[in-house]
C-alpha cells in the first residue's frame, strides 16, 4: 500500500507563509512524511525559488503547476498524477490544500490505516462534526478528478467525486487542525480530542498548556 501526500498552494507567498516557525508547506511536508505518506508532492508556483528553498532537505518533491491554471482543483489533479508517475504503485493520495496546514502526523497515519482497511473509499477527517483536510482519495477516483472543472473549489471536488459514485466516509480523529485554518495560530488550537495514547505513540503538542491548566479550560 502506497499513499502519497499532495500539498497544493496557489501562490508562492501562501506556500511559504509562516506556520509555527516554519514555512507552511515545509511544516505540512514534514507532517506528511512523519505520518507515512510516500511520495510527498508539493504543487505550487515558484518563480523566485522560495518554495524550493523552503523544502530543501525535506523528503518533498516540488512540482510546478501544469499549464497556466493555479486553481486548487487543477493543482490537486496534477499533483496526484505526479505522484503516480513518481511511484507507479501509488494507490491513493492525501489531497491537502495549504490553507489547512495544521493537521497532525498522527491524523495522516490514521487516514492511511483506514485506507488499508477499505481501499475504495474517500476518507476525510472530522472534528466536532465538521469535515476537514487532508482528504484521502483512492487512485480509482483519479479518472473522475481529471474530469473536474478546473475552477472547482476543493469542497466541490469531493462533492463531484461523491456524485460520480465514490463513497465518502468521515472519521472523527479529534484533530482540530483538520478544520481550523492558518488564520488560527498553532498555539490557539483547541486540545487534541482523540485517544490519550494513539497506537503510534505520537504526542499532540498543541493545546497542551490549556489541557494541563484547569484554569484555561482543560
N, C-alpha and C. Protein backbone atom coordinates (compact mmCIF):
# COMPACT_ATOMS: atom_id res chain seq x y z
N UNK A 1 0.85 -1.19 0.00
CA UNK A 1 0.00 0.00 0.00
C UNK A 1 0.88 1.24 0.00
N UNK A 2 0.66 2.11 -0.97
CA UNK A 2 1.43 3.34 -1.08
C UNK A 2 0.48 4.52 -1.19
N UNK A 3 0.54 5.42 -0.22
CA UNK A 3 -0.33 6.58 -0.17
C UNK A 3 0.52 7.84 -0.23
N UNK A 4 0.28 8.64 -1.25
CA UNK A 4 1.02 9.88 -1.42
C UNK A 4 0.36 11.02 -0.64
N UNK A 5 1.12 12.09 -0.44
CA UNK A 5 0.55 13.35 0.02
C UNK A 5 0.72 14.35 -1.10
N UNK A 6 -0.35 15.05 -1.42
CA UNK A 6 -0.32 16.08 -2.47
C UNK A 6 -0.72 17.40 -1.82
N UNK A 7 0.27 18.23 -1.55
CA UNK A 7 0.07 19.52 -0.90
C UNK A 7 0.01 20.58 -1.99
N UNK A 8 -1.03 21.40 -1.98
CA UNK A 8 -1.21 22.35 -3.07
C UNK A 8 -1.33 23.78 -2.54
N UNK A 9 -0.71 24.69 -3.29
CA UNK A 9 -0.76 26.10 -2.95
C UNK A 9 -0.89 26.91 -4.24
N UNK A 10 -1.76 27.92 -4.23
CA UNK A 10 -1.99 28.71 -5.44
C UNK A 10 -0.93 29.77 -5.66
N UNK A 11 -0.21 30.15 -4.61
CA UNK A 11 0.83 31.17 -4.74
C UNK A 11 2.05 30.79 -3.91
N UNK A 12 3.20 31.26 -4.35
CA UNK A 12 4.42 31.03 -3.59
C UNK A 12 4.34 31.73 -2.23
N UNK A 13 3.71 32.89 -2.21
CA UNK A 13 3.59 33.63 -0.95
C UNK A 13 2.84 32.83 0.10
N UNK A 14 1.72 32.22 -0.30
CA UNK A 14 0.97 31.39 0.64
C UNK A 14 1.77 30.15 1.03
N UNK A 15 2.48 29.58 0.08
CA UNK A 15 3.22 28.36 0.35
C UNK A 15 4.27 28.54 1.44
N UNK A 16 4.89 29.71 1.47
CA UNK A 16 5.99 29.92 2.43
C UNK A 16 5.57 30.83 3.59
N UNK A 17 4.28 31.09 3.72
CA UNK A 17 3.81 31.89 4.85
C UNK A 17 4.20 31.19 6.15
N UNK A 18 4.52 31.95 7.21
CA UNK A 18 4.96 31.33 8.47
C UNK A 18 3.88 30.44 9.08
N UNK A 19 4.30 29.28 9.55
CA UNK A 19 3.41 28.35 10.23
C UNK A 19 4.17 27.77 11.42
N UNK A 20 4.00 28.40 12.56
CA UNK A 20 4.66 27.95 13.79
C UNK A 20 6.17 27.85 13.62
N UNK A 21 6.76 28.87 12.99
CA UNK A 21 8.20 28.94 12.86
C UNK A 21 8.77 28.30 11.61
N UNK A 22 7.92 27.69 10.79
CA UNK A 22 8.38 27.07 9.55
C UNK A 22 7.56 27.60 8.38
N UNK A 23 8.10 27.56 7.16
CA UNK A 23 7.25 27.85 6.01
C UNK A 23 6.09 26.85 5.97
N UNK A 24 4.95 27.32 5.56
CA UNK A 24 3.73 26.50 5.65
C UNK A 24 3.90 25.15 4.97
N UNK A 25 4.36 25.13 3.72
CA UNK A 25 4.44 23.85 3.02
C UNK A 25 5.53 22.95 3.61
N UNK A 26 6.54 23.52 4.23
CA UNK A 26 7.56 22.68 4.88
C UNK A 26 6.97 21.99 6.10
N UNK A 27 6.17 22.74 6.86
CA UNK A 27 5.52 22.14 8.02
C UNK A 27 4.62 20.98 7.58
N UNK A 28 3.88 21.19 6.50
CA UNK A 28 2.97 20.18 6.00
C UNK A 28 3.72 18.98 5.42
N UNK A 29 4.78 19.24 4.68
CA UNK A 29 5.55 18.16 4.08
C UNK A 29 6.18 17.28 5.16
N UNK A 30 6.70 17.90 6.20
CA UNK A 30 7.30 17.13 7.28
C UNK A 30 6.26 16.29 8.01
N UNK A 31 5.05 16.86 8.22
CA UNK A 31 3.98 16.11 8.86
C UNK A 31 3.54 14.94 7.99
N UNK A 32 3.46 15.17 6.68
CA UNK A 32 3.05 14.11 5.76
C UNK A 32 4.05 12.95 5.78
N UNK A 33 5.32 13.29 5.74
CA UNK A 33 6.36 12.26 5.76
C UNK A 33 6.33 11.51 7.09
N UNK A 34 6.20 12.23 8.19
CA UNK A 34 6.16 11.60 9.51
C UNK A 34 4.92 10.71 9.64
N UNK A 35 3.84 11.08 8.95
CA UNK A 35 2.61 10.30 9.03
C UNK A 35 2.59 9.08 8.14
N UNK A 36 3.61 8.92 7.29
CA UNK A 36 3.72 7.72 6.47
C UNK A 36 3.37 7.90 5.01
N UNK A 37 3.19 9.14 4.56
CA UNK A 37 2.86 9.37 3.15
C UNK A 37 4.11 9.29 2.28
N UNK A 38 3.99 8.58 1.16
CA UNK A 38 5.08 8.43 0.18
C UNK A 38 4.46 8.28 -1.20
N UNK A 39 4.86 9.09 -2.17
CA UNK A 39 5.77 10.23 -2.08
C UNK A 39 5.04 11.46 -1.54
N UNK A 40 5.81 12.49 -1.18
CA UNK A 40 5.25 13.76 -0.75
C UNK A 40 5.45 14.75 -1.90
N UNK A 41 4.35 15.19 -2.47
CA UNK A 41 4.37 16.09 -3.63
C UNK A 41 3.85 17.46 -3.21
N UNK A 42 4.58 18.50 -3.53
CA UNK A 42 4.12 19.87 -3.31
C UNK A 42 3.94 20.52 -4.67
N UNK A 43 2.73 20.98 -4.95
CA UNK A 43 2.45 21.65 -6.22
C UNK A 43 2.20 23.13 -5.92
N UNK A 44 3.08 23.97 -6.44
CA UNK A 44 2.97 25.41 -6.19
C UNK A 44 3.81 26.16 -7.21
N UNK A 45 3.38 27.36 -7.60
CA UNK A 45 4.25 28.18 -8.44
C UNK A 45 5.45 28.64 -7.63
N UNK A 46 6.58 28.79 -8.27
CA UNK A 46 7.80 29.16 -7.55
C UNK A 46 8.72 29.99 -8.43
N UNK A 47 8.26 31.17 -8.87
CA UNK A 47 9.06 31.95 -9.82
C UNK A 47 10.39 32.44 -9.25
N UNK A 48 10.46 32.61 -7.93
CA UNK A 48 11.68 33.14 -7.32
C UNK A 48 12.48 32.10 -6.54
N UNK A 49 12.02 30.85 -6.56
CA UNK A 49 12.77 29.79 -5.89
C UNK A 49 12.56 29.70 -4.39
N UNK A 50 11.60 30.46 -3.84
CA UNK A 50 11.45 30.47 -2.38
C UNK A 50 10.81 29.19 -1.86
N UNK A 51 9.94 28.57 -2.68
CA UNK A 51 9.31 27.33 -2.24
C UNK A 51 10.34 26.20 -2.23
N UNK A 52 11.15 26.13 -3.28
CA UNK A 52 12.21 25.12 -3.31
C UNK A 52 13.16 25.29 -2.14
N UNK A 53 13.46 26.54 -1.81
CA UNK A 53 14.35 26.80 -0.66
C UNK A 53 13.70 26.32 0.63
N UNK A 54 12.40 26.55 0.77
CA UNK A 54 11.69 26.13 1.98
C UNK A 54 11.67 24.61 2.13
N UNK A 55 11.66 23.91 1.01
CA UNK A 55 11.57 22.44 1.04
C UNK A 55 12.94 21.77 1.04
N UNK A 56 14.00 22.53 0.90
CA UNK A 56 15.34 21.95 0.83
C UNK A 56 15.62 21.10 2.07
N UNK A 57 16.12 19.89 1.83
CA UNK A 57 16.45 18.99 2.92
C UNK A 57 15.27 18.14 3.38
N UNK A 58 14.08 18.39 2.85
CA UNK A 58 12.92 17.57 3.21
C UNK A 58 12.79 16.42 2.22
N UNK A 59 11.79 15.58 2.46
CA UNK A 59 11.53 14.46 1.55
C UNK A 59 10.55 14.83 0.45
N UNK A 60 10.15 16.10 0.40
CA UNK A 60 9.14 16.53 -0.57
C UNK A 60 9.74 16.78 -1.94
N UNK A 61 8.90 16.58 -2.94
CA UNK A 61 9.27 16.88 -4.32
C UNK A 61 8.40 18.04 -4.79
N UNK A 62 9.01 19.12 -5.23
CA UNK A 62 8.27 20.27 -5.74
C UNK A 62 7.94 20.06 -7.20
N UNK A 63 6.65 20.21 -7.54
CA UNK A 63 6.18 20.03 -8.90
C UNK A 63 5.54 21.33 -9.36
N UNK A 64 6.00 21.92 -10.45
CA UNK A 64 5.38 23.16 -10.92
C UNK A 64 3.98 22.90 -11.45
N UNK A 65 3.08 23.89 -11.37
CA UNK A 65 1.73 23.72 -11.89
C UNK A 65 1.75 23.41 -13.38
N UNK A 66 0.76 22.65 -13.82
CA UNK A 66 0.64 22.33 -15.24
C UNK A 66 -0.06 23.48 -15.95
N UNK A 67 0.49 23.92 -17.06
CA UNK A 67 -0.14 24.99 -17.82
C UNK A 67 -0.22 26.27 -17.03
N UNK A 68 -1.30 27.02 -17.24
CA UNK A 68 -1.43 28.31 -16.57
C UNK A 68 -2.40 28.27 -15.40
N UNK A 69 -3.07 27.13 -15.16
CA UNK A 69 -4.09 27.07 -14.12
C UNK A 69 -3.48 26.99 -12.73
N UNK A 70 -3.93 27.88 -11.86
CA UNK A 70 -3.50 27.84 -10.46
C UNK A 70 -4.68 27.56 -9.54
N UNK A 71 -5.79 27.07 -10.12
CA UNK A 71 -6.92 26.68 -9.30
C UNK A 71 -6.56 25.42 -8.51
N UNK A 72 -7.01 25.36 -7.25
CA UNK A 72 -6.61 24.26 -6.39
C UNK A 72 -7.06 22.90 -6.94
N UNK A 73 -8.23 22.86 -7.58
CA UNK A 73 -8.68 21.59 -8.15
C UNK A 73 -7.70 21.09 -9.21
N UNK A 74 -7.23 22.00 -10.05
CA UNK A 74 -6.26 21.62 -11.08
C UNK A 74 -4.94 21.19 -10.46
N UNK A 75 -4.52 21.89 -9.41
CA UNK A 75 -3.26 21.54 -8.75
C UNK A 75 -3.34 20.17 -8.10
N UNK A 76 -4.51 19.86 -7.51
CA UNK A 76 -4.68 18.55 -6.89
C UNK A 76 -4.56 17.43 -7.92
N UNK A 77 -5.27 17.59 -9.03
CA UNK A 77 -5.21 16.58 -10.08
C UNK A 77 -3.80 16.41 -10.62
N UNK A 78 -3.14 17.54 -10.87
CA UNK A 78 -1.77 17.49 -11.39
C UNK A 78 -0.84 16.81 -10.40
N UNK A 79 -0.99 17.12 -9.12
CA UNK A 79 -0.14 16.51 -8.11
C UNK A 79 -0.39 15.02 -7.96
N UNK A 80 -1.65 14.62 -8.06
CA UNK A 80 -1.98 13.20 -7.96
C UNK A 80 -1.33 12.45 -9.11
N UNK A 81 -1.40 13.00 -10.31
CA UNK A 81 -0.78 12.35 -11.46
C UNK A 81 0.74 12.29 -11.28
N UNK A 82 1.32 13.35 -10.74
CA UNK A 82 2.77 13.35 -10.50
C UNK A 82 3.16 12.28 -9.50
N UNK A 83 2.31 12.06 -8.50
CA UNK A 83 2.59 11.03 -7.50
C UNK A 83 2.58 9.64 -8.13
N UNK A 84 1.61 9.38 -9.01
CA UNK A 84 1.55 8.06 -9.65
C UNK A 84 2.69 7.87 -10.63
N UNK A 85 3.19 8.96 -11.19
CA UNK A 85 4.34 8.85 -12.09
C UNK A 85 5.62 8.63 -11.30
N UNK A 86 5.69 9.23 -10.10
CA UNK A 86 6.88 9.06 -9.27
C UNK A 86 6.96 7.64 -8.70
N UNK A 87 5.82 7.11 -8.27
CA UNK A 87 5.75 5.75 -7.74
C UNK A 87 4.51 5.09 -8.35
N UNK A 88 4.71 4.18 -9.26
CA UNK A 88 3.60 3.59 -10.01
C UNK A 88 2.64 2.85 -9.10
N UNK A 89 3.12 2.37 -7.96
CA UNK A 89 2.28 1.60 -7.05
C UNK A 89 1.39 2.48 -6.18
N UNK A 90 1.46 3.80 -6.34
CA UNK A 90 0.63 4.69 -5.54
C UNK A 90 -0.84 4.33 -5.73
N UNK A 91 -1.54 4.03 -4.63
CA UNK A 91 -2.94 3.65 -4.77
C UNK A 91 -3.91 4.61 -4.08
N UNK A 92 -3.38 5.72 -3.56
CA UNK A 92 -4.23 6.76 -3.00
C UNK A 92 -3.37 7.99 -2.76
N UNK A 93 -4.05 9.12 -2.59
CA UNK A 93 -3.33 10.35 -2.28
C UNK A 93 -4.10 11.15 -1.24
N UNK A 94 -3.36 11.74 -0.31
CA UNK A 94 -3.91 12.67 0.65
C UNK A 94 -3.88 14.05 0.02
N UNK A 95 -5.03 14.56 -0.41
CA UNK A 95 -5.11 15.87 -1.06
C UNK A 95 -5.24 16.93 0.02
N UNK A 96 -4.30 17.91 0.01
CA UNK A 96 -4.15 18.78 1.17
C UNK A 96 -3.94 20.23 0.74
N UNK A 97 -5.00 21.07 0.78
CA UNK A 97 -4.82 22.50 0.48
C UNK A 97 -4.00 23.17 1.58
N UNK A 98 -3.12 24.08 1.20
CA UNK A 98 -2.18 24.64 2.17
C UNK A 98 -2.84 25.54 3.22
N UNK A 99 -4.07 25.99 2.97
CA UNK A 99 -4.74 26.81 3.97
C UNK A 99 -5.06 26.06 5.24
N UNK A 100 -5.20 24.74 5.14
CA UNK A 100 -5.47 23.88 6.30
C UNK A 100 -4.17 23.19 6.68
N UNK A 101 -3.26 23.94 7.25
CA UNK A 101 -1.89 23.46 7.40
C UNK A 101 -1.59 22.76 8.71
N UNK A 102 -2.57 22.68 9.63
CA UNK A 102 -2.25 22.22 10.98
C UNK A 102 -2.52 20.74 11.24
N UNK A 103 -3.02 19.99 10.28
CA UNK A 103 -3.30 18.57 10.54
C UNK A 103 -2.05 17.88 11.06
N UNK A 104 -2.25 17.00 12.02
CA UNK A 104 -1.13 16.34 12.69
C UNK A 104 -0.69 15.07 11.97
N UNK A 105 0.54 14.70 12.15
CA UNK A 105 1.07 13.49 11.51
C UNK A 105 0.26 12.26 11.89
N UNK A 106 -0.17 12.18 13.15
CA UNK A 106 -0.96 11.03 13.59
C UNK A 106 -2.29 10.94 12.83
N UNK A 107 -2.84 12.07 12.49
CA UNK A 107 -4.09 12.09 11.72
C UNK A 107 -3.87 11.49 10.34
N UNK A 108 -2.77 11.86 9.71
CA UNK A 108 -2.47 11.29 8.39
C UNK A 108 -2.26 9.79 8.49
N UNK A 109 -1.58 9.35 9.54
CA UNK A 109 -1.38 7.92 9.75
C UNK A 109 -2.72 7.20 9.88
N UNK A 110 -3.64 7.80 10.62
CA UNK A 110 -4.96 7.19 10.82
C UNK A 110 -5.73 7.09 9.51
N UNK A 111 -5.65 8.10 8.68
CA UNK A 111 -6.31 8.06 7.38
C UNK A 111 -5.71 6.97 6.50
N UNK A 112 -4.40 6.84 6.52
CA UNK A 112 -3.73 5.80 5.74
C UNK A 112 -4.15 4.42 6.23
N UNK A 113 -4.23 4.26 7.55
CA UNK A 113 -4.66 2.97 8.11
C UNK A 113 -6.11 2.66 7.70
N UNK A 114 -6.97 3.68 7.68
CA UNK A 114 -8.35 3.47 7.25
C UNK A 114 -8.40 3.02 5.79
N UNK A 115 -7.55 3.61 4.96
CA UNK A 115 -7.48 3.21 3.56
C UNK A 115 -7.05 1.75 3.43
N UNK A 116 -6.15 1.33 4.28
CA UNK A 116 -5.70 -0.06 4.23
C UNK A 116 -6.83 -1.04 4.50
N UNK A 117 -7.81 -0.61 5.30
CA UNK A 117 -8.94 -1.48 5.62
C UNK A 117 -10.04 -1.45 4.57
N UNK A 118 -10.13 -0.33 3.81
CA UNK A 118 -11.19 -0.20 2.81
C UNK A 118 -10.67 0.73 1.71
N UNK A 119 -10.11 0.15 0.67
CA UNK A 119 -9.34 0.93 -0.29
C UNK A 119 -10.16 1.66 -1.35
N UNK A 120 -11.46 1.45 -1.37
CA UNK A 120 -12.26 2.12 -2.38
C UNK A 120 -12.97 3.37 -1.89
N UNK A 121 -12.66 3.82 -0.67
CA UNK A 121 -13.40 4.90 -0.04
C UNK A 121 -12.59 6.19 -0.02
N UNK A 122 -13.30 7.32 -0.19
CA UNK A 122 -12.70 8.63 0.06
C UNK A 122 -12.87 8.91 1.55
N UNK A 123 -11.76 9.05 2.26
CA UNK A 123 -11.82 9.30 3.71
C UNK A 123 -11.49 10.75 4.02
N UNK A 124 -12.27 11.33 4.93
CA UNK A 124 -11.98 12.69 5.42
C UNK A 124 -11.92 12.67 6.93
N UNK A 125 -11.01 13.45 7.51
CA UNK A 125 -11.02 13.60 8.97
C UNK A 125 -12.13 14.58 9.37
N UNK A 126 -12.68 14.40 10.55
CA UNK A 126 -13.65 15.36 11.04
C UNK A 126 -13.33 15.74 12.48
N UNK A 127 -13.85 16.87 12.87
CA UNK A 127 -13.68 17.36 14.25
C UNK A 127 -14.95 18.10 14.63
N UNK A 128 -15.59 17.63 15.70
CA UNK A 128 -16.83 18.22 16.19
C UNK A 128 -17.88 18.34 15.09
N UNK A 129 -17.97 17.30 14.27
CA UNK A 129 -18.99 17.26 13.24
C UNK A 129 -18.64 17.97 11.95
N UNK A 130 -17.48 18.61 11.88
CA UNK A 130 -17.06 19.31 10.66
C UNK A 130 -16.02 18.48 9.93
N UNK A 131 -16.21 18.30 8.63
CA UNK A 131 -15.24 17.56 7.83
C UNK A 131 -14.09 18.47 7.43
N UNK A 132 -12.88 17.92 7.45
CA UNK A 132 -11.70 18.73 7.17
C UNK A 132 -10.76 18.10 6.16
N UNK A 133 -9.50 18.50 6.26
CA UNK A 133 -8.46 18.10 5.33
C UNK A 133 -7.22 17.66 6.09
N UNK A 134 -6.40 16.80 5.44
CA UNK A 134 -6.45 16.33 4.06
C UNK A 134 -7.52 15.25 3.84
N UNK A 135 -7.92 15.10 2.59
CA UNK A 135 -8.85 14.05 2.19
C UNK A 135 -8.07 12.96 1.47
N UNK A 136 -8.31 11.72 1.87
CA UNK A 136 -7.64 10.60 1.21
C UNK A 136 -8.52 10.11 0.06
N UNK A 137 -7.97 10.18 -1.13
CA UNK A 137 -8.71 9.81 -2.35
C UNK A 137 -8.02 8.63 -3.01
N UNK A 138 -8.74 7.51 -3.22
CA UNK A 138 -8.12 6.34 -3.85
C UNK A 138 -7.82 6.60 -5.32
N UNK A 139 -6.86 5.88 -5.85
CA UNK A 139 -6.44 6.10 -7.23
C UNK A 139 -7.57 5.80 -8.22
N UNK A 140 -8.53 4.96 -7.82
CA UNK A 140 -9.66 4.66 -8.70
C UNK A 140 -10.47 5.92 -9.01
N UNK A 141 -10.35 6.94 -8.17
CA UNK A 141 -11.10 8.18 -8.39
C UNK A 141 -10.34 9.17 -9.26
N UNK A 142 -9.12 8.84 -9.67
CA UNK A 142 -8.31 9.78 -10.44
C UNK A 142 -8.97 10.14 -11.76
N UNK A 143 -9.59 9.17 -12.41
CA UNK A 143 -10.27 9.47 -13.68
C UNK A 143 -11.38 10.50 -13.47
N UNK A 144 -12.09 10.39 -12.36
CA UNK A 144 -13.13 11.36 -12.05
C UNK A 144 -12.53 12.73 -11.75
N UNK A 145 -11.38 12.74 -11.10
CA UNK A 145 -10.70 14.01 -10.82
C UNK A 145 -10.30 14.72 -12.11
N UNK A 146 -9.87 13.94 -13.09
CA UNK A 146 -9.44 14.52 -14.35
C UNK A 146 -10.59 15.20 -15.08
N UNK A 147 -11.83 14.82 -14.74
CA UNK A 147 -13.00 15.40 -15.40
C UNK A 147 -13.56 16.60 -14.63
N UNK A 148 -12.96 16.92 -13.48
CA UNK A 148 -13.46 18.02 -12.66
C UNK A 148 -13.16 19.36 -13.33
N UNK A 149 -14.11 20.26 -13.27
CA UNK A 149 -13.90 21.61 -13.81
C UNK A 149 -12.75 22.28 -13.07
N UNK A 150 -11.86 22.91 -13.81
CA UNK A 150 -10.65 23.49 -13.20
C UNK A 150 -10.97 24.59 -12.20
N UNK A 151 -12.14 25.20 -12.30
CA UNK A 151 -12.49 26.25 -11.37
C UNK A 151 -13.15 25.76 -10.10
N UNK A 152 -13.28 24.46 -9.94
CA UNK A 152 -13.93 23.91 -8.75
C UNK A 152 -13.11 24.18 -7.50
N UNK A 153 -13.80 24.37 -6.40
CA UNK A 153 -13.12 24.51 -5.11
C UNK A 153 -12.78 23.11 -4.59
N UNK A 154 -11.89 23.02 -3.59
CA UNK A 154 -11.62 21.70 -3.01
C UNK A 154 -12.87 20.99 -2.51
N UNK A 155 -13.79 21.73 -1.88
CA UNK A 155 -15.03 21.11 -1.42
C UNK A 155 -15.86 20.62 -2.61
N UNK A 156 -15.88 21.42 -3.68
CA UNK A 156 -16.59 21.00 -4.89
C UNK A 156 -16.03 19.68 -5.41
N UNK A 157 -14.71 19.55 -5.37
CA UNK A 157 -14.06 18.35 -5.89
C UNK A 157 -14.60 17.11 -5.19
N UNK A 158 -14.69 17.16 -3.87
CA UNK A 158 -15.16 15.99 -3.13
C UNK A 158 -16.63 15.73 -3.39
N UNK A 159 -17.41 16.78 -3.57
CA UNK A 159 -18.81 16.60 -3.92
C UNK A 159 -18.97 15.96 -5.28
N UNK A 160 -18.13 16.36 -6.22
CA UNK A 160 -18.17 15.78 -7.56
C UNK A 160 -17.79 14.30 -7.51
N UNK A 161 -16.80 13.96 -6.70
CA UNK A 161 -16.41 12.56 -6.57
C UNK A 161 -17.56 11.74 -6.00
N UNK A 162 -18.26 12.31 -5.01
CA UNK A 162 -19.41 11.59 -4.43
C UNK A 162 -20.48 11.39 -5.49
N UNK A 163 -20.71 12.43 -6.30
CA UNK A 163 -21.70 12.32 -7.36
C UNK A 163 -21.33 11.29 -8.41
N UNK A 164 -20.02 11.02 -8.54
CA UNK A 164 -19.55 10.03 -9.51
C UNK A 164 -19.57 8.62 -8.93
N UNK A 165 -20.06 8.50 -7.69
CA UNK A 165 -20.21 7.18 -7.10
C UNK A 165 -19.09 6.76 -6.16
N UNK A 166 -18.19 7.68 -5.83
CA UNK A 166 -17.11 7.33 -4.92
C UNK A 166 -17.56 7.58 -3.48
N UNK A 167 -17.71 6.52 -2.72
CA UNK A 167 -18.23 6.62 -1.35
C UNK A 167 -17.30 7.43 -0.47
N UNK A 168 -17.87 8.30 0.36
CA UNK A 168 -17.09 9.15 1.25
C UNK A 168 -17.44 8.84 2.69
N UNK A 169 -16.41 8.73 3.52
CA UNK A 169 -16.59 8.44 4.94
C UNK A 169 -15.79 9.45 5.74
N UNK A 170 -16.44 10.07 6.72
CA UNK A 170 -15.74 10.99 7.62
C UNK A 170 -15.38 10.23 8.90
N UNK A 171 -14.16 10.46 9.37
CA UNK A 171 -13.68 9.81 10.58
C UNK A 171 -13.33 10.89 11.59
N UNK A 172 -13.94 10.83 12.78
CA UNK A 172 -13.62 11.79 13.82
C UNK A 172 -12.30 11.39 14.47
N UNK A 173 -11.25 12.14 14.17
CA UNK A 173 -9.92 11.84 14.67
C UNK A 173 -9.49 12.79 15.79
N UNK A 174 -10.40 13.66 16.20
CA UNK A 174 -10.10 14.53 17.33
C UNK A 174 -9.05 15.59 17.06
N UNK A 175 -8.84 15.91 15.80
CA UNK A 175 -7.75 16.83 15.42
C UNK A 175 -8.34 18.15 14.94
N UNK A 176 -8.30 19.20 15.77
CA UNK A 176 -8.85 20.49 15.34
C UNK A 176 -8.11 21.10 14.17
N UNK A 177 -6.86 20.68 13.97
CA UNK A 177 -6.07 21.22 12.87
C UNK A 177 -6.55 20.80 11.50
N UNK A 178 -7.49 19.86 11.44
CA UNK A 178 -8.03 19.45 10.15
C UNK A 178 -9.12 20.39 9.65
N UNK A 179 -9.69 21.22 10.55
CA UNK A 179 -10.78 22.12 10.14
C UNK A 179 -10.48 23.59 10.43
N UNK A 180 -9.54 23.88 11.32
CA UNK A 180 -9.18 25.26 11.63
C UNK A 180 -7.99 25.65 10.78
N UNK A 181 -8.15 26.72 10.01
CA UNK A 181 -7.14 27.05 9.01
C UNK A 181 -6.00 27.88 9.57
N UNK A 182 -5.16 28.33 8.67
CA UNK A 182 -3.93 29.02 9.05
C UNK A 182 -4.16 30.35 9.74
N UNK A 183 -5.39 30.87 9.69
CA UNK A 183 -5.67 32.12 10.39
C UNK A 183 -5.70 31.90 11.91
N UNK A 184 -5.84 30.65 12.33
CA UNK A 184 -5.73 30.31 13.75
C UNK A 184 -4.29 29.91 14.04
N UNK A 185 -3.58 30.61 14.94
CA UNK A 185 -2.21 30.21 15.24
C UNK A 185 -2.18 28.84 15.91
N UNK A 186 -1.10 28.14 15.72
CA UNK A 186 -1.00 26.80 16.30
C UNK A 186 -1.26 26.81 17.81
N UNK A 187 -0.73 27.81 18.48
CA UNK A 187 -0.92 27.90 19.93
C UNK A 187 -2.38 28.12 20.30
N UNK A 188 -3.18 28.60 19.35
CA UNK A 188 -4.58 28.86 19.62
C UNK A 188 -5.49 27.70 19.31
N UNK A 189 -4.96 26.59 18.81
CA UNK A 189 -5.79 25.44 18.50
C UNK A 189 -6.29 24.78 19.78
N UNK A 190 -7.53 24.31 19.79
CA UNK A 190 -8.04 23.56 20.94
C UNK A 190 -7.23 22.28 21.14
N UNK A 191 -7.32 21.69 22.33
CA UNK A 191 -6.58 20.45 22.58
C UNK A 191 -7.04 19.32 21.66
N UNK A 192 -6.12 18.46 21.34
CA UNK A 192 -6.43 17.24 20.61
C UNK A 192 -7.41 16.43 21.43
N UNK A 193 -8.43 15.85 20.77
CA UNK A 193 -9.50 15.17 21.50
C UNK A 193 -9.56 13.67 21.22
N UNK A 194 -8.56 13.14 20.57
CA UNK A 194 -8.57 11.72 20.24
C UNK A 194 -8.14 10.86 21.41
N UNK A 195 -7.80 9.60 21.15
CA UNK A 195 -7.34 8.70 22.21
C UNK A 195 -6.15 9.28 22.94
N UNK A 196 -6.09 9.07 24.25
CA UNK A 196 -4.98 9.61 25.03
C UNK A 196 -3.67 8.97 24.64
N UNK A 197 -3.71 7.71 24.18
CA UNK A 197 -2.49 7.01 23.79
C UNK A 197 -2.68 6.43 22.40
N UNK A 198 -2.46 7.23 21.37
CA UNK A 198 -2.59 6.72 20.00
C UNK A 198 -1.68 5.53 19.77
N UNK A 199 -2.06 4.66 18.86
CA UNK A 199 -1.29 3.45 18.59
C UNK A 199 0.14 3.75 18.21
N UNK A 200 0.34 4.87 17.49
CA UNK A 200 1.68 5.18 17.03
C UNK A 200 2.54 5.79 18.12
N UNK A 201 1.90 6.19 19.23
CA UNK A 201 2.66 6.82 20.29
C UNK A 201 2.95 8.27 20.07
N UNK A 202 2.40 8.86 18.98
CA UNK A 202 2.68 10.27 18.69
C UNK A 202 2.04 11.16 19.73
N UNK A 203 2.75 12.19 20.16
CA UNK A 203 2.24 13.12 21.16
C UNK A 203 1.77 14.40 20.50
N UNK A 204 0.53 14.79 20.76
CA UNK A 204 -0.03 16.01 20.19
C UNK A 204 0.32 17.17 21.10
N UNK A 205 1.06 18.15 20.58
CA UNK A 205 1.60 19.20 21.42
C UNK A 205 0.66 20.37 21.61
N UNK A 206 -0.16 20.70 20.53
CA UNK A 206 -0.91 21.93 20.66
C UNK A 206 -1.97 21.80 21.76
N UNK A 207 -2.22 22.93 22.43
CA UNK A 207 -3.23 22.96 23.47
C UNK A 207 -2.80 22.28 24.75
N UNK A 208 -1.53 21.81 24.80
CA UNK A 208 -1.09 21.06 25.97
C UNK A 208 -1.17 21.90 27.23
N UNK A 209 -0.80 23.17 27.13
CA UNK A 209 -0.81 24.02 28.31
C UNK A 209 -2.24 24.18 28.84
N UNK A 210 -3.19 24.41 27.93
CA UNK A 210 -4.57 24.56 28.35
C UNK A 210 -5.12 23.27 28.94
N UNK A 211 -4.67 22.13 28.37
CA UNK A 211 -5.13 20.83 28.85
C UNK A 211 -4.65 20.59 30.26
N UNK A 212 -3.41 21.00 30.57
CA UNK A 212 -2.83 20.76 31.87
C UNK A 212 -3.28 21.77 32.92
N UNK A 213 -3.79 22.93 32.49
CA UNK A 213 -4.16 24.00 33.41
C UNK A 213 -5.67 24.13 33.44
N UNK A 214 -6.34 23.64 34.53
CA UNK A 214 -7.79 23.70 34.59
C UNK A 214 -8.33 25.10 34.44
N UNK A 215 -7.53 26.09 34.81
CA UNK A 215 -7.98 27.49 34.71
C UNK A 215 -8.17 27.92 33.28
N UNK A 216 -7.51 27.19 32.33
CA UNK A 216 -7.62 27.51 30.92
C UNK A 216 -8.64 26.64 30.22
N UNK A 217 -9.39 25.90 30.98
CA UNK A 217 -10.48 25.13 30.36
C UNK A 217 -10.11 23.72 29.98
N UNK A 218 -8.91 23.21 30.38
CA UNK A 218 -8.55 21.86 30.02
C UNK A 218 -9.15 20.85 30.96
